[in-house]
């Protein structure tokens, strides 16, 4: 029988090239910090616009609300004078609507609204 000489498998001269195992993916889109900053800026601008819109809305509604308050105050003052005249009709020398205070300074009348109880 003849024997076959056993040889060991060796690398080629100069060695094998290195294996490229790193993923080389291109960067796509902005970073997370850029997205977060843009979102915060857009939100801040939106909140600024909302606050501005609310302020201008209030500015434009103030004359309407003041006129409504003036009408309500006038109506309540006339009703109070009518009630005063009815209550004090038997008191001699009583002048309806005359101030009990001795000054001429105008004071906004105070009206307390007491709601009726639910029946």
C-alpha atoms as a PDB file:
ATOM      1  CA  UNK A   1       0.000   0.000   0.000  1.00  0.00           C
ATOM      2  CA  UNK A   2       1.088   3.403  -0.674  1.00  0.00           C
ATOM      3  CA  UNK A   3       0.683   6.193   1.814  1.00  0.00           C
ATOM      4  CA  UNK A   4      -0.388   9.645   0.806  1.00  0.00           C
ATOM      5  CA  UNK A   5       1.499  12.336   2.607  1.00  0.00           C
ATOM      6  CA  UNK A   6      -0.800  14.430   4.841  1.00  0.00           C
ATOM      7  CA  UNK A   7      -0.379  18.201   4.425  1.00  0.00           C
ATOM      8  CA  UNK A   8      -1.936  20.885   6.538  1.00  0.00           C
ATOM      9  CA  UNK A   9      -4.168  23.493   4.889  1.00  0.00           C
ATOM     10  CA  UNK A  10      -2.445  26.854   5.426  1.00  0.00           C
ATOM     11  CA  UNK A  11      -3.354  30.418   4.471  1.00  0.00           C
ATOM     12  CA  UNK A  12      -1.985  31.731   1.280  1.00  0.00           C
ATOM     13  CA  UNK A  13       1.153  33.748   1.367  1.00  0.00           C
ATOM     14  CA  UNK A  14       0.415  37.311   2.626  1.00  0.00           C
ATOM     15  CA  UNK A  15      -2.738  36.120   4.462  1.00  0.00           C
ATOM     16  CA  UNK A  16      -6.404  36.455   3.741  1.00  0.00           C
ATOM     17  CA  UNK A  17      -7.964  39.920   3.353  1.00  0.00           C
ATOM     18  CA  UNK A  18      -9.870  41.188   6.430  1.00  0.00           C
ATOM     19  CA  UNK A  19     -13.602  40.583   6.491  1.00  0.00           C
ATOM     20  CA  UNK A  20     -15.665  43.796   6.362  1.00  0.00           C
ATOM     21  CA  UNK A  21     -18.340  43.224   8.956  1.00  0.00           C
ATOM     22  CA  UNK A  22     -19.240  46.895   9.762  1.00  0.00           C
ATOM     23  CA  UNK A  23     -22.567  48.093   8.369  1.00  0.00           C
ATOM     24  CA  UNK A  24     -22.087  51.083   6.153  1.00  0.00           C
ATOM     25  CA  UNK A  25     -25.569  52.648   6.062  1.00  0.00           C
ATOM     26  CA  UNK A  26     -25.883  56.216   4.863  1.00  0.00           C
ATOM     27  CA  UNK A  27     -27.325  58.767   7.316  1.00  0.00           C
ATOM     28  CA  UNK A  28     -30.930  59.456   6.451  1.00  0.00           C
ATOM     29  CA  UNK A  29     -32.774  62.551   7.679  1.00  0.00           C
ATOM     30  CA  UNK A  30     -32.084  64.954  10.525  1.00  0.00           C
ATOM     31  CA  UNK A  31     -30.923  63.813  13.928  1.00  0.00           C
ATOM     32  CA  UNK A  32     -33.209  63.440  16.908  1.00  0.00           C
ATOM     33  CA  UNK A  33     -31.958  66.661  18.480  1.00  0.00           C
ATOM     34  CA  UNK A  34     -32.806  68.628  15.341  1.00  0.00           C
ATOM     35  CA  UNK A  35     -36.309  67.119  15.180  1.00  0.00           C
ATOM     36  CA  UNK A  36     -36.892  67.830  18.885  1.00  0.00           C
ATOM     37  CA  UNK A  37     -35.681  71.431  18.539  1.00  0.00           C
ATOM     38  CA  UNK A  38     -37.899  72.016  15.498  1.00  0.00           C
ATOM     39  CA  UNK A  39     -40.909  70.542  17.294  1.00  0.00           C
ATOM     40  CA  UNK A  40     -40.286  72.734  20.353  1.00  0.00           C
ATOM     41  CA  UNK A  41     -39.954  75.847  18.170  1.00  0.00           C
ATOM     42  CA  UNK A  42     -43.169  75.099  16.281  1.00  0.00           C
ATOM     43  CA  UNK A  43     -45.029  74.421  19.549  1.00  0.00           C
ATOM     44  CA  UNK A  44     -43.720  77.634  21.127  1.00  0.00           C
ATOM     45  CA  UNK A  45     -44.835  79.641  18.095  1.00  0.00           C
ATOM     46  CA  UNK A  46     -48.268  77.992  18.237  1.00  0.00           C
ATOM     47  CA  UNK A  47     -48.666  78.783  21.940  1.00  0.00           C
ATOM     48  CA  UNK A  48     -47.584  82.380  21.263  1.00  0.00           C
ATOM     49  CA  UNK A  49     -50.200  82.718  18.520  1.00  0.00           C
ATOM     50  CA  UNK A  50     -52.883  81.195  20.768  1.00  0.00           C
ATOM     51  CA  UNK A  51     -52.080  83.599  23.596  1.00  0.00           C
ATOM     52  CA  UNK A  52     -52.095  86.520  21.171  1.00  0.00           C
ATOM     53  CA  UNK A  53     -55.443  85.446  19.713  1.00  0.00           C
ATOM     54  CA  UNK A  54     -56.970  85.125  23.182  1.00  0.00           C
ATOM     55  CA  UNK A  55     -55.678  88.570  24.158  1.00  0.00           C
ATOM     56  CA  UNK A  56     -57.061  90.216  21.030  1.00  0.00           C
ATOM     57  CA  UNK A  57     -60.350  88.393  21.493  1.00  0.00           C
ATOM     58  CA  UNK A  58     -60.648  89.782  25.000  1.00  0.00           C
ATOM     59  CA  UNK A  59     -59.686  93.263  23.811  1.00  0.00           C
ATOM     60  CA  UNK A  60     -62.455  93.191  21.214  1.00  0.00           C
ATOM     61  CA  UNK A  61     -65.034  91.750  23.619  1.00  0.00           C
ATOM     62  CA  UNK A  62     -64.478  94.254  26.437  1.00  0.00           C
ATOM     63  CA  UNK A  63     -66.675  97.035  24.923  1.00  0.00           C
ATOM     64  CA  UNK A  64     -69.496  94.565  24.313  1.00  0.00           C
ATOM     65  CA  UNK A  65     -69.292  93.198  27.850  1.00  0.00           C
ATOM     66  CA  UNK A  66     -69.070  96.703  29.329  1.00  0.00           C
ATOM     67  CA  UNK A  67     -72.180  97.805  27.405  1.00  0.00           C
ATOM     68  CA  UNK A  68     -74.005  94.707  28.615  1.00  0.00           C
ATOM     69  CA  UNK A  69     -72.948  95.463  32.201  1.00  0.00           C
ATOM     70  CA  UNK A  70     -74.112  99.081  31.845  1.00  0.00           C
ATOM     71  CA  UNK A  71     -77.540  97.986  30.557  1.00  0.00           C
ATOM     72  CA  UNK A  72     -77.893  95.478  33.381  1.00  0.00           C
ATOM     73  CA  UNK A  73     -76.831  98.052  35.991  1.00  0.00           C
ATOM     74  CA  UNK A  74     -79.311 100.599  34.641  1.00  0.00           C
ATOM     75  CA  UNK A  75     -82.142  98.049  34.677  1.00  0.00           C
ATOM     76  CA  UNK A  76     -81.313  96.952  38.224  1.00  0.00           C
ATOM     77  CA  UNK A  77     -81.033 100.573  39.424  1.00  0.00           C
ATOM     78  CA  UNK A  78     -84.508 101.407  38.056  1.00  0.00           C
ATOM     79  CA  UNK A  79     -85.923  98.262  39.675  1.00  0.00           C
ATOM     80  CA  UNK A  80     -84.270  99.164  42.997  1.00  0.00           C
ATOM     81  CA  UNK A  81     -85.703 102.712  42.833  1.00  0.00           C
ATOM     82  CA  UNK A  82     -89.175 101.312  42.133  1.00  0.00           C
ATOM     83  CA  UNK A  83     -88.860  98.939  45.114  1.00  0.00           C
ATOM     84  CA  UNK A  84     -87.594 101.792  47.302  1.00  0.00           C
ATOM     85  CA  UNK A  85     -90.519 103.988  46.283  1.00  0.00           C
ATOM     86  CA  UNK A  86     -92.975 101.179  47.064  1.00  0.00           C
ATOM     87  CA  UNK A  87     -91.407 100.367  50.446  1.00  0.00           C
ATOM     88  CA  UNK A  88     -90.935 103.977  51.621  1.00  0.00           C
ATOM     89  CA  UNK A  89     -94.212 105.459  50.303  1.00  0.00           C
ATOM     90  CA  UNK A  90     -95.590 105.965  53.828  1.00  0.00           C
ATOM     91  CA  UNK A  91     -92.466 107.738  55.181  1.00  0.00           C
ATOM     92  CA  UNK A  92     -92.933 111.522  55.113  1.00  0.00           C
ATOM     93  CA  UNK A  93     -90.074 113.528  53.564  1.00  0.00           C
ATOM     94  CA  UNK A  94     -88.373 110.507  51.971  1.00  0.00           C
ATOM     95  CA  UNK A  95     -86.892 111.262  48.584  1.00  0.00           C
ATOM     96  CA  UNK A  96     -86.525 108.228  46.340  1.00  0.00           C
ATOM     97  CA  UNK A  97     -83.050 107.781  44.931  1.00  0.00           C
ATOM     98  CA  UNK A  98     -81.385 110.327  47.211  1.00  0.00           C
ATOM     99  CA  UNK A  99     -78.113 109.110  48.653  1.00  0.00           C
ATOM    100  CA  UNK A 100     -77.928 108.530  52.389  1.00  0.00           C
ATOM    101  CA  UNK A 101     -74.277 109.568  52.266  1.00  0.00           C
ATOM    102  CA  UNK A 102     -73.272 113.223  52.249  1.00  0.00           C
ATOM    103  CA  UNK A 103     -70.934 113.275  49.268  1.00  0.00           C
ATOM    104  CA  UNK A 104     -71.261 113.840  45.553  1.00  0.00           C
ATOM    105  CA  UNK A 105     -68.687 111.302  44.471  1.00  0.00           C
ATOM    106  CA  UNK A 106     -70.064 108.695  42.064  1.00  0.00           C
ATOM    107  CA  UNK A 107     -69.946 105.139  43.276  1.00  0.00           C
ATOM    108  CA  UNK A 108     -70.789 102.207  41.069  1.00  0.00           C
ATOM    109  CA  UNK A 109     -73.918 100.602  42.524  1.00  0.00           C
ATOM    110  CA  UNK A 110     -73.473  97.137  43.922  1.00  0.00           C
ATOM    111  CA  UNK A 111     -76.084  94.548  43.170  1.00  0.00           C
ATOM    112  CA  UNK A 112     -76.208  91.164  44.777  1.00  0.00           C
ATOM    113  CA  UNK A 113     -77.985  88.535  42.737  1.00  0.00           C
ATOM    114  CA  UNK A 114     -79.611  85.872  44.875  1.00  0.00           C
ATOM    115  CA  UNK A 115     -80.818  82.986  42.706  1.00  0.00           C
ATOM    116  CA  UNK A 116     -84.169  81.482  43.504  1.00  0.00           C
ATOM    117  CA  UNK A 117     -84.136  78.065  45.113  1.00  0.00           C
ATOM    118  CA  UNK A 118     -84.962  75.146  42.875  1.00  0.00           C
ATOM    119  CA  UNK A 119     -88.472  74.000  43.580  1.00  0.00           C
END
